[in-house]
Amino acid sequence: MTKLFIAIVVIFISGCAAQTGVISTGQDSYMILNQGTGFWVSPSTLVANATREAGNHCSNQRKQLDILSTQERPFGLRPGAYPEGEIRFACK
């Protein structure tokens, strides 16, 4: 029982999201996909974090963030279907 409790605590402490980072999808267009590591992670939080990262990416280029689309995918019942938040954007 103690080992199970320790395993659960380690899972909660190990982080809440995996990030792809900024991926180029064409000339001055990009995407970021964040995936939660459990059902408790909100897809809207993942999109918000991706939006913040996108804003930083564009400001480093001295350009403005232009959000093209966002998509939220909730936790699914199939294996590996963790919550996801995706943003597609351009820097103009």
PDB file of N, CA and C in Angstrom:
ATOM      1  N   MET A   1       0.827  -1.194   0.000  1.00  0.00           N
ATOM      2  CA  MET A   1       0.000   0.000   0.000  1.00  0.00           C
ATOM      3  C   MET A   1       0.870   1.256   0.000  1.00  0.00           C
ATOM      4  N   THR A   2       1.959   1.234   0.758  1.00  0.00           N
ATOM      5  CA  THR A   2       2.859   2.382   0.815  1.00  0.00           C
ATOM      6  C   THR A   2       3.503   2.631  -0.545  1.00  0.00           C
ATOM      7  N   LYS A   3       3.878   1.554  -1.245  1.00  0.00           N
ATOM      8  CA  LYS A   3       4.487   1.708  -2.565  1.00  0.00           C
ATOM      9  C   LYS A   3       3.501   2.315  -3.552  1.00  0.00           C
ATOM     10  N   LEU A   4       2.247   1.934  -3.458  1.00  0.00           N
ATOM     11  CA  LEU A   4       1.225   2.509  -4.324  1.00  0.00           C
ATOM     12  C   LEU A   4       1.052   3.996  -4.057  1.00  0.00           C
ATOM     13  N   PHE A   5       1.025   4.386  -2.799  1.00  0.00           N
ATOM     14  CA  PHE A   5       0.904   5.793  -2.437  1.00  0.00           C
ATOM     15  C   PHE A   5       2.091   6.594  -2.970  1.00  0.00           C
ATOM     16  N   ILE A   6       3.291   6.060  -2.820  1.00  0.00           N
ATOM     17  CA  ILE A   6       4.491   6.743  -3.313  1.00  0.00           C
ATOM     18  C   ILE A   6       4.434   6.882  -4.829  1.00  0.00           C
ATOM     19  N   ALA A   7       3.984   5.848  -5.521  1.00  0.00           N
ATOM     20  CA  ALA A   7       3.880   5.912  -6.981  1.00  0.00           C
ATOM     21  C   ALA A   7       2.893   6.990  -7.415  1.00  0.00           C
ATOM     22  N   ILE A   8       1.774   7.099  -6.722  1.00  0.00           N
ATOM     23  CA  ILE A   8       0.781   8.124  -7.055  1.00  0.00           C
ATOM     24  C   ILE A   8       1.348   9.519  -6.820  1.00  0.00           C
ATOM     25  N   VAL A   9       2.041   9.727  -5.732  1.00  0.00           N
ATOM     26  CA  VAL A   9       2.650  11.030  -5.447  1.00  0.00           C
ATOM     27  C   VAL A   9       3.682  11.385  -6.508  1.00  0.00           C
ATOM     28  N   VAL A  10       4.501  10.440  -6.912  1.00  0.00           N
ATOM     29  CA  VAL A  10       5.514  10.690  -7.945  1.00  0.00           C
ATOM     30  C   VAL A  10       4.852  11.092  -9.253  1.00  0.00           C
ATOM     31  N   ILE A  11       3.755  10.443  -9.611  1.00  0.00           N
ATOM     32  CA  ILE A  11       3.048  10.790 -10.850  1.00  0.00           C
ATOM     33  C   ILE A  11       2.531  12.223 -10.792  1.00  0.00           C
ATOM     34  N   PHE A  12       1.972  12.638  -9.668  1.00  0.00           N
ATOM     35  CA  PHE A  12       1.446  13.998  -9.548  1.00  0.00           C
ATOM     36  C   PHE A  12       2.553  15.037  -9.560  1.00  0.00           C
ATOM     37  N   ILE A  13       3.703  14.719  -9.014  1.00  0.00           N
ATOM     38  CA  ILE A  13       4.807  15.677  -8.938  1.00  0.00           C
ATOM     39  C   ILE A  13       5.560  15.774 -10.254  1.00  0.00           C
ATOM     40  N   SER A  14       5.489  14.744 -11.093  1.00  0.00           N
ATOM     41  CA  SER A  14       6.344  14.656 -12.275  1.00  0.00           C
ATOM     42  C   SER A  14       6.000  15.634 -13.391  1.00  0.00           C
ATOM     43  N   GLY A  15       5.013  16.454 -13.228  1.00  0.00           N
ATOM     44  CA  GLY A  15       4.689  17.447 -14.250  1.00  0.00           C
ATOM     45  C   GLY A  15       3.316  17.226 -14.833  1.00  0.00           C
ATOM     46  N   CYS A  16       2.802  18.255 -15.475  1.00  0.00           N
ATOM     47  CA  CYS A  16       1.424  18.212 -15.942  1.00  0.00           C
ATOM     48  C   CYS A  16       1.290  18.256 -17.445  1.00  0.00           C
ATOM     49  N   ALA A  17       2.356  18.518 -18.178  1.00  0.00           N
ATOM     50  CA  ALA A  17       2.192  18.636 -19.624  1.00  0.00           C
ATOM     51  C   ALA A  17       3.490  18.326 -20.349  1.00  0.00           C
ATOM     52  N   ALA A  18       3.340  17.783 -21.540  1.00  0.00           N
ATOM     53  CA  ALA A  18       4.453  17.601 -22.465  1.00  0.00           C
ATOM     54  C   ALA A  18       4.249  18.599 -23.598  1.00  0.00           C
ATOM     55  N   GLN A  19       5.309  19.271 -24.005  1.00  0.00           N
ATOM     56  CA  GLN A  19       5.189  20.308 -25.022  1.00  0.00           C
ATOM     57  C   GLN A  19       6.054  19.969 -26.225  1.00  0.00           C
ATOM     58  N   THR A  20       5.535  20.281 -27.406  1.00  0.00           N
ATOM     59  CA  THR A  20       6.320  20.073 -28.623  1.00  0.00           C
ATOM     60  C   THR A  20       7.293  21.217 -28.849  1.00  0.00           C
ATOM     61  N   GLY A  21       7.002  22.371 -28.273  1.00  0.00           N
ATOM     62  CA  GLY A  21       7.751  23.567 -28.617  1.00  0.00           C
ATOM     63  C   GLY A  21       7.180  24.139 -29.902  1.00  0.00           C
ATOM     64  N   VAL A  22       7.807  25.149 -30.434  1.00  0.00           N
ATOM     65  CA  VAL A  22       7.329  25.812 -31.654  1.00  0.00           C
ATOM     66  C   VAL A  22       7.760  24.989 -32.866  1.00  0.00           C
ATOM     67  N   ILE A  23       6.786  24.620 -33.691  1.00  0.00           N
ATOM     68  CA  ILE A  23       7.044  23.848 -34.906  1.00  0.00           C
ATOM     69  C   ILE A  23       6.634  24.696 -36.099  1.00  0.00           C
ATOM     70  N   SER A  24       7.541  24.869 -37.052  1.00  0.00           N
ATOM     71  CA  SER A  24       7.236  25.629 -38.260  1.00  0.00           C
ATOM     72  C   SER A  24       6.319  24.803 -39.157  1.00  0.00           C
ATOM     73  N   THR A  25       5.251  25.437 -39.651  1.00  0.00           N
ATOM     74  CA  THR A  25       4.317  24.759 -40.555  1.00  0.00           C
ATOM     75  C   THR A  25       4.262  25.439 -41.921  1.00  0.00           C
ATOM     76  N   GLY A  26       5.147  26.358 -42.154  1.00  0.00           N
ATOM     77  CA  GLY A  26       5.175  27.083 -43.422  1.00  0.00           C
ATOM     78  C   GLY A  26       5.872  28.415 -43.213  1.00  0.00           C
ATOM     79  N   GLN A  27       5.786  29.277 -44.206  1.00  0.00           N
ATOM     80  CA  GLN A  27       6.437  30.572 -44.118  1.00  0.00           C
ATOM     81  C   GLN A  27       5.742  31.436 -43.066  1.00  0.00           C
ATOM     82  N   ASP A  28       6.446  31.741 -41.994  1.00  0.00           N
ATOM     83  CA  ASP A  28       5.952  32.570 -40.890  1.00  0.00           C
ATOM     84  C   ASP A  28       4.700  32.002 -40.219  1.00  0.00           C
ATOM     85  N   SER A  29       4.469  30.704 -40.322  1.00  0.00           N
ATOM     86  CA  SER A  29       3.352  30.085 -39.596  1.00  0.00           C
ATOM     87  C   SER A  29       3.892  28.911 -38.773  1.00  0.00           C
ATOM     88  N   TYR A  30       3.260  28.726 -37.613  1.00  0.00           N
ATOM     89  CA  TYR A  30       3.784  27.780 -36.638  1.00  0.00           C
ATOM     90  C   TYR A  30       2.641  27.089 -35.904  1.00  0.00           C
ATOM     91  N   MET A  31       3.000  26.060 -35.143  1.00  0.00           N
ATOM     92  CA  MET A  31       2.049  25.417 -34.243  1.00  0.00           C
ATOM     93  C   MET A  31       2.770  24.971 -32.982  1.00  0.00           C
ATOM     94  N   ILE A  32       2.000  24.866 -31.914  1.00  0.00           N
ATOM     95  CA  ILE A  32       2.478  24.318 -30.652  1.00  0.00           C
ATOM     96  C   ILE A  32       1.396  23.362 -30.170  1.00  0.00           C
ATOM     97  N   LEU A  33       1.795  22.163 -29.761  1.00  0.00           N
ATOM     98  CA  LEU A  33       0.870  21.183 -29.223  1.00  0.00           C
ATOM     99  C   LEU A  33       1.336  20.809 -27.818  1.00  0.00           C
ATOM    100  N   ASN A  34       0.474  21.022 -26.854  1.00  0.00           N
ATOM    101  CA  ASN A  34       0.748  20.635 -25.471  1.00  0.00           C
ATOM    102  C   ASN A  34      -0.170  19.484 -25.101  1.00  0.00           C
ATOM    103  N   GLN A  35       0.383  18.481 -24.428  1.00  0.00           N
ATOM    104  CA  GLN A  35      -0.416  17.339 -23.997  1.00  0.00           C
ATOM    105  C   GLN A  35      -0.293  17.181 -22.493  1.00  0.00           C
ATOM    106  N   GLY A  36      -1.422  17.084 -21.817  1.00  0.00           N
ATOM    107  CA  GLY A  36      -1.436  16.838 -20.386  1.00  0.00           C
ATOM    108  C   GLY A  36      -1.030  15.404 -20.100  1.00  0.00           C
ATOM    109  N   THR A  37      -0.540  15.149 -18.909  1.00  0.00           N
ATOM    110  CA  THR A  37      -0.102  13.800 -18.553  1.00  0.00           C
ATOM    111  C   THR A  37      -1.124  13.078 -17.693  1.00  0.00           C
ATOM    112  N   GLY A  38      -2.328  13.599 -17.610  1.00  0.00           N
ATOM    113  CA  GLY A  38      -3.378  12.957 -16.837  1.00  0.00           C
ATOM    114  C   GLY A  38      -4.714  13.623 -17.078  1.00  0.00           C
ATOM    115  N   PHE A  39      -5.771  12.967 -16.613  1.00  0.00           N
ATOM    116  CA  PHE A  39      -7.128  13.468 -16.840  1.00  0.00           C
ATOM    117  C   PHE A  39      -7.410  14.782 -16.135  1.00  0.00           C
ATOM    118  N   TRP A  40      -6.637  15.128 -15.134  1.00  0.00           N
ATOM    119  CA  TRP A  40      -6.893  16.324 -14.328  1.00  0.00           C
ATOM    120  C   TRP A  40      -6.420  17.611 -14.998  1.00  0.00           C
ATOM    121  N   VAL A  41      -5.709  17.518 -16.107  1.00  0.00           N
ATOM    122  CA  VAL A  41      -5.179  18.698 -16.789  1.00  0.00           C
ATOM    123  C   VAL A  41      -6.247  19.261 -17.720  1.00  0.00           C
ATOM    124  N   SER A  42      -6.507  20.550 -17.617  1.00  0.00           N
ATOM    125  CA  SER A  42      -7.516  21.211 -18.436  1.00  0.00           C
ATOM    126  C   SER A  42      -6.960  21.554 -19.822  1.00  0.00           C
ATOM    127  N   PRO A  43      -7.661  21.181 -20.891  1.00  0.00           N
ATOM    128  CA  PRO A  43      -7.207  21.555 -22.229  1.00  0.00           C
ATOM    129  C   PRO A  43      -7.093  23.069 -22.421  1.00  0.00           C
ATOM    130  N   SER A  44      -7.953  23.840 -21.763  1.00  0.00           N
ATOM    131  CA  SER A  44      -7.874  25.301 -21.901  1.00  0.00           C
ATOM    132  C   SER A  44      -6.590  25.839 -21.274  1.00  0.00           C
ATOM    133  N   THR A  45      -6.125  25.216 -20.217  1.00  0.00           N
ATOM    134  CA  THR A  45      -4.845  25.600 -19.620  1.00  0.00           C
ATOM    135  C   THR A  45      -3.696  25.290 -20.573  1.00  0.00           C
ATOM    136  N   LEU A  46      -3.786  24.167 -21.258  1.00  0.00           N
ATOM    137  CA  LEU A  46      -2.755  23.804 -22.232  1.00  0.00           C
ATOM    138  C   LEU A  46      -2.713  24.797 -23.385  1.00  0.00           C
ATOM    139  N   VAL A  47      -3.891  25.245 -23.855  1.00  0.00           N
ATOM    140  CA  VAL A  47      -3.950  26.253 -24.919  1.00  0.00           C
ATOM    141  C   VAL A  47      -3.388  27.581 -24.423  1.00  0.00           C
ATOM    142  N   ALA A  48      -3.724  27.950 -23.191  1.00  0.00           N
ATOM    143  CA  ALA A  48      -3.215  29.205 -22.624  1.00  0.00           C
ATOM    144  C   ALA A  48      -1.691  29.184 -22.535  1.00  0.00           C
ATOM    145  N   ASN A  49      -1.127  28.069 -22.104  1.00  0.00           N
ATOM    146  CA  ASN A  49       0.334  27.952 -22.016  1.00  0.00           C
ATOM    147  C   ASN A  49       0.976  28.014 -23.404  1.00  0.00           C
ATOM    148  N   ALA A  50       0.335  27.378 -24.381  1.00  0.00           N
ATOM    149  CA  ALA A  50       0.841  27.421 -25.749  1.00  0.00           C
ATOM    150  C   ALA A  50       0.763  28.839 -26.311  1.00  0.00           C
ATOM    151  N   THR A  51      -0.302  29.559 -25.981  1.00  0.00           N
ATOM    152  CA  THR A  51      -0.458  30.944 -26.438  1.00  0.00           C
ATOM    153  C   THR A  51       0.635  31.832 -25.851  1.00  0.00           C
ATOM    154  N   ARG A  52       0.942  31.630 -24.590  1.00  0.00           N
ATOM    155  CA  ARG A  52       2.017  32.401 -23.953  1.00  0.00           C
ATOM    156  C   ARG A  52       3.357  32.106 -24.642  1.00  0.00           C
ATOM    157  N   GLU A  53       3.619  30.826 -24.932  1.00  0.00           N
ATOM    158  CA  GLU A  53       4.855  30.464 -25.612  1.00  0.00           C
ATOM    159  C   GLU A  53       4.902  31.044 -27.022  1.00  0.00           C
ATOM    160  N   ALA A  54       3.767  31.041 -27.719  1.00  0.00           N
ATOM    161  CA  ALA A  54       3.695  31.616 -29.064  1.00  0.00           C
ATOM    162  C   ALA A  54       3.963  33.122 -29.027  1.00  0.00           C
ATOM    163  N   GLY A  55       3.388  33.802 -28.045  1.00  0.00           N
ATOM    164  CA  GLY A  55       3.632  35.238 -27.892  1.00  0.00           C
ATOM    165  C   GLY A  55       5.100  35.538 -27.659  1.00  0.00           C
ATOM    166  N   ASN A  56       5.750  34.739 -26.832  1.00  0.00           N
ATOM    167  CA  ASN A  56       7.188  34.921 -26.596  1.00  0.00           C
ATOM    168  C   ASN A  56       7.991  34.686 -27.871  1.00  0.00           C
ATOM    169  N   HIS A  57       7.588  33.671 -28.637  1.00  0.00           N
ATOM    170  CA  HIS A  57       8.294  33.368 -29.887  1.00  0.00           C
ATOM    171  C   HIS A  57       8.209  34.547 -30.860  1.00  0.00           C
ATOM    172  N   CYS A  58       7.019  35.112 -31.008  1.00  0.00           N
ATOM    173  CA  CYS A  58       6.844  36.233 -31.930  1.00  0.00           C
ATOM    174  C   CYS A  58       7.539  37.493 -31.429  1.00  0.00           C
ATOM    175  N   SER A  59       7.465  37.746 -30.133  1.00  0.00           N
ATOM    176  CA  SER A  59       8.106  38.961 -29.614  1.00  0.00           C
ATOM    177  C   SER A  59       9.626  38.867 -29.733  1.00  0.00           C
ATOM    178  N   ASN A  60      10.187  37.672 -29.666  1.00  0.00           N
ATOM    179  CA  ASN A  60      11.626  37.510 -29.886  1.00  0.00           C
ATOM    180  C   ASN A  60      12.022  37.858 -31.312  1.00  0.00           C
ATOM    181  N   GLN A  61      11.083  37.759 -32.233  1.00  0.00           N
ATOM    182  CA  GLN A  61      11.308  38.153 -33.629  1.00  0.00           C
ATOM    183  C   GLN A  61      10.906  39.600 -33.877  1.00  0.00           C
ATOM    184  N   ARG A  62      10.474  40.276 -32.816  1.00  0.00           N
ATOM    185  CA  ARG A  62       9.978  41.653 -32.903  1.00  0.00           C
ATOM    186  C   ARG A  62       8.762  41.742 -33.826  1.00  0.00           C
ATOM    187  N   LYS A  63       7.884  40.737 -33.708  1.00  0.00           N
ATOM    188  CA  LYS A  63       6.653  40.689 -34.496  1.00  0.00           C
ATOM    189  C   LYS A  63       5.479  40.465 -33.556  1.00  0.00           C
ATOM    190  N   GLN A  64       4.273  40.655 -34.099  1.00  0.00           N
ATOM    191  CA  GLN A  64       3.042  40.479 -33.338  1.00  0.00           C
ATOM    192  C   GLN A  64       2.475  39.077 -33.559  1.00  0.00           C
ATOM    193  N   LEU A  65       1.902  38.524 -32.499  1.00  0.00           N
ATOM    194  CA  LEU A  65       1.258  37.222 -32.565  1.00  0.00           C
ATOM    195  C   LEU A  65      -0.084  37.346 -33.279  1.00  0.00           C
ATOM    196  N   ASP A  66      -0.330  36.476 -34.244  1.00  0.00           N
ATOM    197  CA  ASP A  66      -1.608  36.387 -34.944  1.00  0.00           C
ATOM    198  C   ASP A  66      -2.092  34.945 -34.810  1.00  0.00           C
ATOM    199  N   ILE A  67      -3.098  34.724 -33.959  1.00  0.00           N
ATOM    200  CA  ILE A  67      -3.611  33.377 -33.730  1.00  0.00           C
ATOM    201  C   ILE A  67      -4.502  32.980 -34.898  1.00  0.00           C
ATOM    202  N   LEU A  68      -4.159  31.877 -35.543  1.00  0.00           N
ATOM    203  CA  LEU A  68      -4.928  31.387 -36.680  1.00  0.00           C
ATOM    204  C   LEU A  68      -6.036  30.430 -36.223  1.00  0.00           C
ATOM    205  N   SER A  69      -5.717  29.558 -35.258  1.00  0.00           N
ATOM    206  CA  SER A  69      -6.727  28.649 -34.725  1.00  0.00           C
ATOM    207  C   SER A  69      -6.233  28.035 -33.421  1.00  0.00           C
ATOM    208  N   THR A  70      -7.182  27.582 -32.626  1.00  0.00           N
ATOM    209  CA  THR A  70      -6.868  26.823 -31.420  1.00  0.00           C
ATOM    210  C   THR A  70      -7.772  25.596 -31.397  1.00  0.00           C
ATOM    211  N   GLN A  71      -7.301  24.578 -30.722  1.00  0.00           N
ATOM    212  CA  GLN A  71      -8.110  23.368 -30.605  1.00  0.00           C
ATOM    213  C   GLN A  71      -7.849  22.740 -29.238  1.00  0.00           C
ATOM    214  N   GLU A  72      -8.930  22.354 -28.576  1.00  0.00           N
ATOM    215  CA  GLU A  72      -8.845  21.677 -27.285  1.00  0.00           C
ATOM    216  C   GLU A  72      -9.406  20.270 -27.438  1.00  0.00           C
ATOM    217  N   ARG A  73      -8.662  19.291 -26.938  1.00  0.00           N
ATOM    218  CA  ARG A  73      -9.138  17.909 -26.952  1.00  0.00           C
ATOM    219  C   ARG A  73      -9.148  17.407 -25.515  1.00  0.00           C
ATOM    220  N   PRO A  74     -10.312  17.040 -24.992  1.00  0.00           N
ATOM    221  CA  PRO A  74     -10.388  16.568 -23.607  1.00  0.00           C
ATOM    222  C   PRO A  74      -9.839  15.158 -23.442  1.00  0.00           C
ATOM    223  N   PHE A  75      -9.720  14.749 -22.198  1.00  0.00           N
ATOM    224  CA  PHE A  75      -9.286  13.396 -21.857  1.00  0.00           C
ATOM    225  C   PHE A  75     -10.216  12.383 -22.504  1.00  0.00           C
ATOM    226  N   GLY A  76      -9.657  11.348 -23.106  1.00  0.00           N
ATOM    227  CA  GLY A  76     -10.460  10.297 -23.732  1.00  0.00           C
ATOM    228  C   GLY A  76     -10.335   8.991 -22.977  1.00  0.00           C
ATOM    229  N   LEU A  77     -11.187   8.076 -23.307  1.00  0.00           N
ATOM    230  CA  LEU A  77     -11.193   6.790 -22.615  1.00  0.00           C
ATOM    231  C   LEU A  77     -10.249   5.765 -23.235  1.00  0.00           C
ATOM    232  N   ARG A  78      -9.710   6.047 -24.413  1.00  0.00           N
ATOM    233  CA  ARG A  78      -8.771   5.110 -25.012  1.00  0.00           C
ATOM    234  C   ARG A  78      -7.367   5.350 -24.455  1.00  0.00           C
ATOM    235  N   PRO A  79      -6.498   4.345 -24.459  1.00  0.00           N
ATOM    236  CA  PRO A  79      -5.136   4.520 -23.926  1.00  0.00           C
ATOM    237  C   PRO A  79      -4.378   5.630 -24.645  1.00  0.00           C
ATOM    238  N   GLY A  80      -3.708   6.457 -23.894  1.00  0.00           N
ATOM    239  CA  GLY A  80      -2.905   7.538 -24.460  1.00  0.00           C
ATOM    240  C   GLY A  80      -3.689   8.752 -24.900  1.00  0.00           C
ATOM    241  N   ALA A  81      -4.983   8.797 -24.642  1.00  0.00           N
ATOM    242  CA  ALA A  81      -5.815   9.923 -25.061  1.00  0.00           C
ATOM    243  C   ALA A  81      -5.869  10.964 -23.953  1.00  0.00           C
ATOM    244  N   TYR A  82      -4.732  11.561 -23.678  1.00  0.00           N
ATOM    245  CA  TYR A  82      -4.658  12.593 -22.657  1.00  0.00           C
ATOM    246  C   TYR A  82      -5.169  13.917 -23.209  1.00  0.00           C
ATOM    247  N   PRO A  83      -5.513  14.864 -22.342  1.00  0.00           N
ATOM    248  CA  PRO A  83      -5.972  16.178 -22.820  1.00  0.00           C
ATOM    249  C   PRO A  83      -4.886  16.859 -23.658  1.00  0.00           C
ATOM    250  N   GLU A  84      -5.318  17.580 -24.680  1.00  0.00           N
ATOM    251  CA  GLU A  84      -4.385  18.299 -25.541  1.00  0.00           C
ATOM    252  C   GLU A  84      -4.894  19.700 -25.816  1.00  0.00           C
ATOM    253  N   GLY A  85      -3.973  20.606 -26.010  1.00  0.00           N
ATOM    254  CA  GLY A  85      -4.271  21.962 -26.438  1.00  0.00           C
ATOM    255  C   GLY A  85      -3.324  22.336 -27.556  1.00  0.00           C
ATOM    256  N   GLU A  86      -3.876  22.790 -28.663  1.00  0.00           N
ATOM    257  CA  GLU A  86      -3.068  23.116 -29.843  1.00  0.00           C
ATOM    258  C   GLU A  86      -3.361  24.544 -30.272  1.00  0.00           C
ATOM    259  N   ILE A  87      -2.317  25.233 -30.706  1.00  0.00           N
ATOM    260  CA  ILE A  87      -2.482  26.572 -31.265  1.00  0.00           C
ATOM    261  C   ILE A  87      -1.697  26.642 -32.568  1.00  0.00           C
ATOM    262  N   ARG A  88      -2.323  27.213 -33.575  1.00  0.00           N
ATOM    263  CA  ARG A  88      -1.658  27.516 -34.847  1.00  0.00           C
ATOM    264  C   ARG A  88      -1.624  29.032 -34.960  1.00  0.00           C
ATOM    265  N   PHE A  89      -0.459  29.553 -35.324  1.00  0.00           N
ATOM    266  CA  PHE A  89      -0.290  30.997 -35.304  1.00  0.00           C
ATOM    267  C   PHE A  89       0.724  31.453 -36.337  1.00  0.00           C
ATOM    268  N   ALA A  90       0.733  32.752 -36.540  1.00  0.00           N
ATOM    269  CA  ALA A  90       1.704  33.402 -37.422  1.00  0.00           C
ATOM    270  C   ALA A  90       2.313  34.573 -36.650  1.00  0.00           C
ATOM    271  N   CYS A  91       3.489  34.955 -37.071  1.00  0.00           N
ATOM    272  CA  CYS A  91       4.153  36.143 -36.516  1.00  0.00           C
ATOM    273  C   CYS A  91       4.188  37.189 -37.617  1.00  0.00           C
ATOM    274  N   LYS A  92       3.512  38.325 -37.378  1.00  0.00           N
ATOM    275  CA  LYS A  92       3.428  39.360 -38.417  1.00  0.00           C
ATOM    276  C   LYS A  92       3.982  40.673 -37.899  1.00  0.00           C
TER     277      LYS A  92
END
